[in-house]
Amino acid sequence: MKPAIHTNETFHGQDYARQSLRGREFDGCTFSGCNFSYADLGGCIFSDCTFEGCRMTLTVVTDTVLRRVTVKKSDLRGGDFEAASEFGFEISCEESRLDKCAFVRRKMKDTPFRGGELRECYFAGCDLPGAVFDGCVMTGSTFEQCNLSGADLRTAIGYVIDPLNNRIAKARFSEYNLTGLVSSLGVIVE
């Protein structure tokens, strides 16, 4: 991968683990089965890109632009999305593993998380109105000072949301998963 700007390219099975791709631009690109674990993607711009079946464990995304990025069946454990650029931050995740990721002060309106694992994730100060957590395992994930108005968590399990510390008006929850909503209030659900 030599040029600094990549448009409508497909990268398959590339191993970028522990490498620096700092400052590159990717527009309309597809990454399939690539390994970005511990790679430095700082300052990169990803627009209209898809990552499918990729490993991105502890990938550095400092000042990285993630605009209309789709992640499918990938492993993003330990992602520090607080460090990513706020400009145009827009991702969607399908059947991916995002354990121990941090989302801090992110505008994520209508963001879909479908069928994935988001264990021990930290959401703080995020704007998540209309976000969908469909079939997500969220054991130990917490939300602090987030706007979850209109969010859909009906099929998510394991999350902890303090209704006194988050905006949850018109958010949708399953009656079977109310424990994560009332546990911070000291309520016992049997």
C-alpha atoms as a PDB file:
ATOM      1  CA  MET A   1       0.000   0.000   0.000  1.00  0.00           C
ATOM      2  CA  LYS A   2       2.093   2.931  -1.251  1.00  0.00           C
ATOM      3  CA  PRO A   3      -0.143   5.850  -2.322  1.00  0.00           C
ATOM      4  CA  ALA A   4      -1.512   8.139   0.383  1.00  0.00           C
ATOM      5  CA  ILE A   5      -4.984   8.338  -1.209  1.00  0.00           C
ATOM      6  CA  HIS A   6      -6.979   5.207  -2.029  1.00  0.00           C
ATOM      7  CA  THR A   7     -10.298   5.343  -3.884  1.00  0.00           C
ATOM      8  CA  ASN A   8     -12.659   2.410  -4.482  1.00  0.00           C
ATOM      9  CA  GLU A   9      -9.960  -0.166  -3.758  1.00  0.00           C
ATOM     10  CA  THR A  10     -10.369  -3.594  -2.190  1.00  0.00           C
ATOM     11  CA  PHE A  11      -7.819  -4.906   0.298  1.00  0.00           C
ATOM     12  CA  HIS A  12      -8.077  -8.613   1.055  1.00  0.00           C
ATOM     13  CA  GLY A  13      -6.180 -10.538   3.719  1.00  0.00           C
ATOM     14  CA  GLN A  14      -3.562  -7.843   4.275  1.00  0.00           C
ATOM     15  CA  ASP A  15      -1.609  -7.909   7.539  1.00  0.00           C
ATOM     16  CA  TYR A  16      -1.084  -4.376   8.852  1.00  0.00           C
ATOM     17  CA  ALA A  17      -0.613  -5.494  12.481  1.00  0.00           C
ATOM     18  CA  ARG A  18       1.672  -3.127  14.414  1.00  0.00           C
ATOM     19  CA  GLN A  19       2.262  -1.015  11.280  1.00  0.00           C
ATOM     20  CA  SER A  20       1.672   2.690  10.775  1.00  0.00           C
ATOM     21  CA  LEU A  21      -0.747   3.802   8.073  1.00  0.00           C
ATOM     22  CA  ARG A  22      -0.856   7.271   9.587  1.00  0.00           C
ATOM     23  CA  GLY A  23      -2.363  10.061   7.493  1.00  0.00           C
ATOM     24  CA  ARG A  24      -3.715   8.001   4.588  1.00  0.00           C
ATOM     25  CA  GLU A  25      -7.119   8.590   2.985  1.00  0.00           C
ATOM     26  CA  PHE A  26      -9.535   5.832   1.985  1.00  0.00           C
ATOM     27  CA  ASP A  27     -12.715   6.614   0.061  1.00  0.00           C
ATOM     28  CA  GLY A  28     -15.156   3.867  -0.923  1.00  0.00           C
ATOM     29  CA  CYS A  29     -12.682   1.122   0.002  1.00  0.00           C
ATOM     30  CA  THR A  30     -13.394  -2.391   1.230  1.00  0.00           C
ATOM     31  CA  PHE A  31     -11.165  -4.228   3.697  1.00  0.00           C
ATOM     32  CA  SER A  32     -11.841  -7.969   3.883  1.00  0.00           C
ATOM     33  CA  GLY A  33     -10.071 -10.303   6.286  1.00  0.00           C
ATOM     34  CA  CYS A  34      -7.368  -7.729   7.094  1.00  0.00           C
ATOM     35  CA  ASN A  35      -5.461  -7.537  10.362  1.00  0.00           C
ATOM     36  CA  PHE A  36      -5.098  -4.039  11.848  1.00  0.00           C
ATOM     37  CA  SER A  37      -4.360  -5.188  15.425  1.00  0.00           C
ATOM     38  CA  TYR A  38      -2.171  -2.659  17.216  1.00  0.00           C
ATOM     39  CA  ALA A  39      -1.792  -0.715  13.947  1.00  0.00           C
ATOM     40  CA  ASP A  40      -1.572   3.080  13.965  1.00  0.00           C
ATOM     41  CA  LEU A  41      -4.369   4.573  11.863  1.00  0.00           C
ATOM     42  CA  GLY A  42      -3.915   7.997  13.443  1.00  0.00           C
ATOM     43  CA  GLY A  43      -4.983  10.884  11.244  1.00  0.00           C
ATOM     44  CA  CYS A  44      -6.414   8.596   8.544  1.00  0.00           C
ATOM     45  CA  ILE A  45      -9.666   9.431   6.791  1.00  0.00           C
ATOM     46  CA  PHE A  46     -12.092   6.597   6.070  1.00  0.00           C
ATOM     47  CA  SER A  47     -15.161   7.642   4.054  1.00  0.00           C
ATOM     48  CA  ASP A  48     -17.804   5.197   2.831  1.00  0.00           C
ATOM     49  CA  CYS A  49     -15.578   2.235   3.729  1.00  0.00           C
ATOM     50  CA  THR A  50     -16.447  -1.304   4.785  1.00  0.00           C
ATOM     51  CA  PHE A  51     -14.441  -3.543   7.101  1.00  0.00           C
ATOM     52  CA  GLU A  52     -15.542  -7.187   6.917  1.00  0.00           C
ATOM     53  CA  GLY A  53     -13.984 -10.013   8.868  1.00  0.00           C
ATOM     54  CA  CYS A  54     -11.158  -7.750  10.053  1.00  0.00           C
ATOM     55  CA  ARG A  55      -9.135  -7.857  13.280  1.00  0.00           C
ATOM     56  CA  MET A  56      -8.677  -4.424  14.816  1.00  0.00           C
ATOM     57  CA  THR A  57      -7.726  -5.200  18.410  1.00  0.00           C
ATOM     58  CA  LEU A  58      -6.319  -2.106  20.154  1.00  0.00           C
ATOM     59  CA  THR A  59      -5.957  -0.267  16.862  1.00  0.00           C
ATOM     60  CA  VAL A  60      -4.878   3.370  17.324  1.00  0.00           C
ATOM     61  CA  VAL A  61      -7.492   5.766  15.888  1.00  0.00           C
ATOM     62  CA  THR A  62      -6.233   9.087  17.263  1.00  0.00           C
ATOM     63  CA  ASP A  63      -7.705  11.911  15.125  1.00  0.00           C
ATOM     64  CA  THR A  64      -8.979   9.320  12.638  1.00  0.00           C
ATOM     65  CA  VAL A  65     -12.059  10.318  10.632  1.00  0.00           C
ATOM     66  CA  LEU A  66     -14.648   7.527  10.459  1.00  0.00           C
ATOM     67  CA  ARG A  67     -17.339   8.818   8.102  1.00  0.00           C
ATOM     68  CA  ARG A  68     -20.050   6.373   7.000  1.00  0.00           C
ATOM     69  CA  VAL A  69     -17.958   3.358   7.979  1.00  0.00           C
ATOM     70  CA  THR A  70     -19.556  -0.097   8.116  1.00  0.00           C
ATOM     71  CA  VAL A  71     -18.015  -2.836  10.246  1.00  0.00           C
ATOM     72  CA  LYS A  72     -19.210  -6.416   9.683  1.00  0.00           C
ATOM     73  CA  LYS A  73     -18.168  -9.588  11.496  1.00  0.00           C
ATOM     74  CA  SER A  74     -15.022  -7.890  12.764  1.00  0.00           C
ATOM     75  CA  ASP A  75     -13.135  -7.716  16.050  1.00  0.00           C
ATOM     76  CA  LEU A  76     -12.574  -4.194  17.409  1.00  0.00           C
ATOM     77  CA  ARG A  77     -11.804  -5.060  21.033  1.00  0.00           C
ATOM     78  CA  GLY A  78     -10.291  -2.247  23.050  1.00  0.00           C
ATOM     79  CA  GLY A  79     -11.081   0.507  20.550  1.00  0.00           C
ATOM     80  CA  ASP A  80     -10.658   3.995  22.007  1.00  0.00           C
ATOM     81  CA  PHE A  81     -13.164   5.910  19.893  1.00  0.00           C
ATOM     82  CA  GLU A  82     -12.842   8.890  22.230  1.00  0.00           C
ATOM     83  CA  ALA A  83      -9.553   9.600  20.455  1.00  0.00           C
ATOM     84  CA  ALA A  84     -11.119   9.469  16.962  1.00  0.00           C
ATOM     85  CA  SER A  85     -12.041  12.687  15.207  1.00  0.00           C
ATOM     86  CA  GLU A  86     -15.454  14.051  16.105  1.00  0.00           C
ATOM     87  CA  PHE A  87     -15.793  15.338  12.536  1.00  0.00           C
ATOM     88  CA  GLY A  88     -18.256  13.161  10.642  1.00  0.00           C
ATOM     89  CA  PHE A  89     -18.086  10.288  13.138  1.00  0.00           C
ATOM     90  CA  GLU A  90     -20.590   7.796  11.699  1.00  0.00           C
ATOM     91  CA  ILE A  91     -20.248   4.042  12.034  1.00  0.00           C
ATOM     92  CA  SER A  92     -22.529   1.027  11.840  1.00  0.00           C
ATOM     93  CA  CYS A  93     -21.642  -2.362  13.284  1.00  0.00           C
ATOM     94  CA  GLU A  94     -23.052  -5.759  12.340  1.00  0.00           C
ATOM     95  CA  GLU A  95     -22.201  -8.995  14.143  1.00  0.00           C
ATOM     96  CA  SER A  96     -18.933  -7.530  15.408  1.00  0.00           C
ATOM     97  CA  ARG A  97     -17.077  -7.736  18.689  1.00  0.00           C
ATOM     98  CA  LEU A  98     -16.460  -4.376  20.343  1.00  0.00           C
ATOM     99  CA  ASP A  99     -15.580  -5.477  23.879  1.00  0.00           C
ATOM    100  CA  LYS A 100     -13.973  -2.863  26.137  1.00  0.00           C
ATOM    101  CA  CYS A 101     -14.420  -0.018  23.662  1.00  0.00           C
ATOM    102  CA  ALA A 102     -14.738   3.575  24.813  1.00  0.00           C
ATOM    103  CA  PHE A 103     -17.198   5.976  23.218  1.00  0.00           C
ATOM    104  CA  VAL A 104     -16.862   9.383  24.846  1.00  0.00           C
ATOM    105  CA  ARG A 105     -18.590  12.562  23.639  1.00  0.00           C
ATOM    106  CA  ARG A 106     -19.562  10.973  20.312  1.00  0.00           C
ATOM    107  CA  LYS A 107     -22.545  12.091  18.272  1.00  0.00           C
ATOM    108  CA  MET A 108     -24.048   8.772  17.206  1.00  0.00           C
ATOM    109  CA  LYS A 109     -27.620   9.536  16.198  1.00  0.00           C
ATOM    110  CA  ASP A 110     -29.392   6.505  14.695  1.00  0.00           C
ATOM    111  CA  THR A 111     -26.233   4.356  14.940  1.00  0.00           C
ATOM    112  CA  PRO A 112     -27.032   0.679  14.418  1.00  0.00           C
ATOM    113  CA  PHE A 113     -25.297  -2.022  16.440  1.00  0.00           C
ATOM    114  CA  ARG A 114     -26.734  -5.322  15.214  1.00  0.00           C
ATOM    115  CA  GLY A 115     -26.053  -8.790  16.585  1.00  0.00           C
ATOM    116  CA  GLY A 116     -22.715  -8.020  18.154  1.00  0.00           C
ATOM    117  CA  GLU A 117     -20.859  -8.212  21.427  1.00  0.00           C
ATOM    118  CA  LEU A 118     -20.262  -4.947  23.268  1.00  0.00           C
ATOM    119  CA  ARG A 119     -19.089  -6.305  26.621  1.00  0.00           C
ATOM    120  CA  GLU A 120     -17.715  -3.824  29.171  1.00  0.00           C
ATOM    121  CA  CYS A 121     -18.040  -0.873  26.798  1.00  0.00           C
ATOM    122  CA  TYR A 122     -18.073   2.635  28.185  1.00  0.00           C
ATOM    123  CA  PHE A 123     -20.442   5.228  26.743  1.00  0.00           C
ATOM    124  CA  ALA A 124     -20.053   8.679  28.329  1.00  0.00           C
ATOM    125  CA  GLY A 125     -21.531  11.961  27.184  1.00  0.00           C
ATOM    126  CA  CYS A 126     -22.681  10.356  23.924  1.00  0.00           C
ATOM    127  CA  ASP A 127     -25.575  11.587  21.853  1.00  0.00           C
ATOM    128  CA  LEU A 128     -27.345   8.334  20.868  1.00  0.00           C
ATOM    129  CA  PRO A 129     -30.940   9.291  19.969  1.00  0.00           C
ATOM    130  CA  GLY A 130     -32.501   6.620  17.805  1.00  0.00           C
ATOM    131  CA  ALA A 131     -29.508   4.277  18.178  1.00  0.00           C
ATOM    132  CA  VAL A 132     -30.349   0.590  17.797  1.00  0.00           C
ATOM    133  CA  PHE A 133     -28.742  -2.133  19.889  1.00  0.00           C
ATOM    134  CA  ASP A 134     -30.349  -5.130  18.177  1.00  0.00           C
ATOM    135  CA  GLY A 135     -29.468  -8.522  19.615  1.00  0.00           C
ATOM    136  CA  CYS A 136     -26.341  -7.172  21.297  1.00  0.00           C
ATOM    137  CA  VAL A 137     -24.681  -8.809  24.276  1.00  0.00           C
ATOM    138  CA  MET A 138     -23.690  -5.829  26.431  1.00  0.00           C
ATOM    139  CA  THR A 139     -22.649  -7.482  29.693  1.00  0.00           C
ATOM    140  CA  GLY A 140     -21.010  -4.882  31.930  1.00  0.00           C
ATOM    141  CA  SER A 141     -21.477  -2.013  29.460  1.00  0.00           C
ATOM    142  CA  THR A 142     -22.360   1.293  31.078  1.00  0.00           C
ATOM    143  CA  PHE A 143     -23.838   4.596  29.970  1.00  0.00           C
ATOM    144  CA  GLU A 144     -23.077   7.865  31.763  1.00  0.00           C
ATOM    145  CA  GLN A 145     -24.606  11.228  30.893  1.00  0.00           C
ATOM    146  CA  CYS A 146     -25.821   9.904  27.526  1.00  0.00           C
ATOM    147  CA  ASN A 147     -28.800  10.915  25.454  1.00  0.00           C
ATOM    148  CA  LEU A 148     -30.593   7.653  24.664  1.00  0.00           C
ATOM    149  CA  SER A 149     -33.882   9.295  23.662  1.00  0.00           C
ATOM    150  CA  GLY A 150     -35.687   7.022  21.260  1.00  0.00           C
ATOM    151  CA  ALA A 151     -32.919   4.391  21.361  1.00  0.00           C
ATOM    152  CA  ASP A 152     -33.969   0.773  20.922  1.00  0.00           C
ATOM    153  CA  LEU A 153     -32.517  -1.699  23.430  1.00  0.00           C
ATOM    154  CA  ARG A 154     -35.383  -4.210  23.368  1.00  0.00           C
ATOM    155  CA  THR A 155     -33.221  -7.132  22.260  1.00  0.00           C
ATOM    156  CA  ALA A 156     -29.973  -6.110  23.962  1.00  0.00           C
ATOM    157  CA  ILE A 157     -28.925  -7.818  27.190  1.00  0.00           C
ATOM    158  CA  GLY A 158     -26.530  -7.116  30.040  1.00  0.00           C
ATOM    159  CA  TYR A 159     -26.299  -3.306  29.884  1.00  0.00           C
ATOM    160  CA  VAL A 160     -26.459  -0.943  32.865  1.00  0.00           C
ATOM    161  CA  ILE A 161     -28.241   2.369  32.376  1.00  0.00           C
ATOM    162  CA  ASP A 162     -28.922   4.686  35.286  1.00  0.00           C
ATOM    163  CA  PRO A 163     -32.165   6.463  34.345  1.00  0.00           C
ATOM    164  CA  LEU A 164     -31.252   9.335  36.684  1.00  0.00           C
ATOM    165  CA  ASN A 165     -27.920   9.866  34.936  1.00  0.00           C
ATOM    166  CA  ASN A 166     -29.036   9.478  31.289  1.00  0.00           C
ATOM    167  CA  ARG A 167     -31.831  10.807  29.121  1.00  0.00           C
ATOM    168  CA  ILE A 168     -34.042   7.869  28.181  1.00  0.00           C
ATOM    169  CA  ALA A 169     -37.319   9.485  27.082  1.00  0.00           C
ATOM    170  CA  LYS A 170     -39.069   7.312  24.492  1.00  0.00           C
ATOM    171  CA  ALA A 171     -36.230   4.758  24.567  1.00  0.00           C
ATOM    172  CA  ARG A 172     -37.493   1.217  24.071  1.00  0.00           C
ATOM    173  CA  PHE A 173     -36.679  -1.606  26.469  1.00  0.00           C
ATOM    174  CA  SER A 174     -37.897  -5.177  26.798  1.00  0.00           C
ATOM    175  CA  GLU A 175     -39.779  -5.984  29.973  1.00  0.00           C
ATOM    176  CA  TYR A 176     -37.440  -8.970  30.328  1.00  0.00           C
ATOM    177  CA  ASN A 177     -34.323  -6.792  30.415  1.00  0.00           C
ATOM    178  CA  LEU A 178     -35.414  -4.104  32.849  1.00  0.00           C
ATOM    179  CA  THR A 179     -32.836  -5.229  35.407  1.00  0.00           C
ATOM    180  CA  GLY A 180     -30.134  -3.229  33.603  1.00  0.00           C
ATOM    181  CA  LEU A 181     -32.318  -0.168  33.809  1.00  0.00           C
ATOM    182  CA  VAL A 182     -33.288  -0.334  37.476  1.00  0.00           C
ATOM    183  CA  SER A 183     -30.241  -1.981  39.072  1.00  0.00           C
ATOM    184  CA  SER A 184     -28.654   1.407  39.790  1.00  0.00           C
ATOM    185  CA  LEU A 185     -31.761   2.350  41.784  1.00  0.00           C
ATOM    186  CA  GLY A 186     -31.295  -0.559  44.182  1.00  0.00           C
ATOM    187  CA  VAL A 187     -34.464  -2.240  42.924  1.00  0.00           C
ATOM    188  CA  ILE A 188     -34.536  -6.017  43.023  1.00  0.00           C
ATOM    189  CA  VAL A 189     -36.268  -7.677  40.093  1.00  0.00           C
ATOM    190  CA  GLU A 190     -37.340 -11.293  40.660  1.00  0.00           C
END
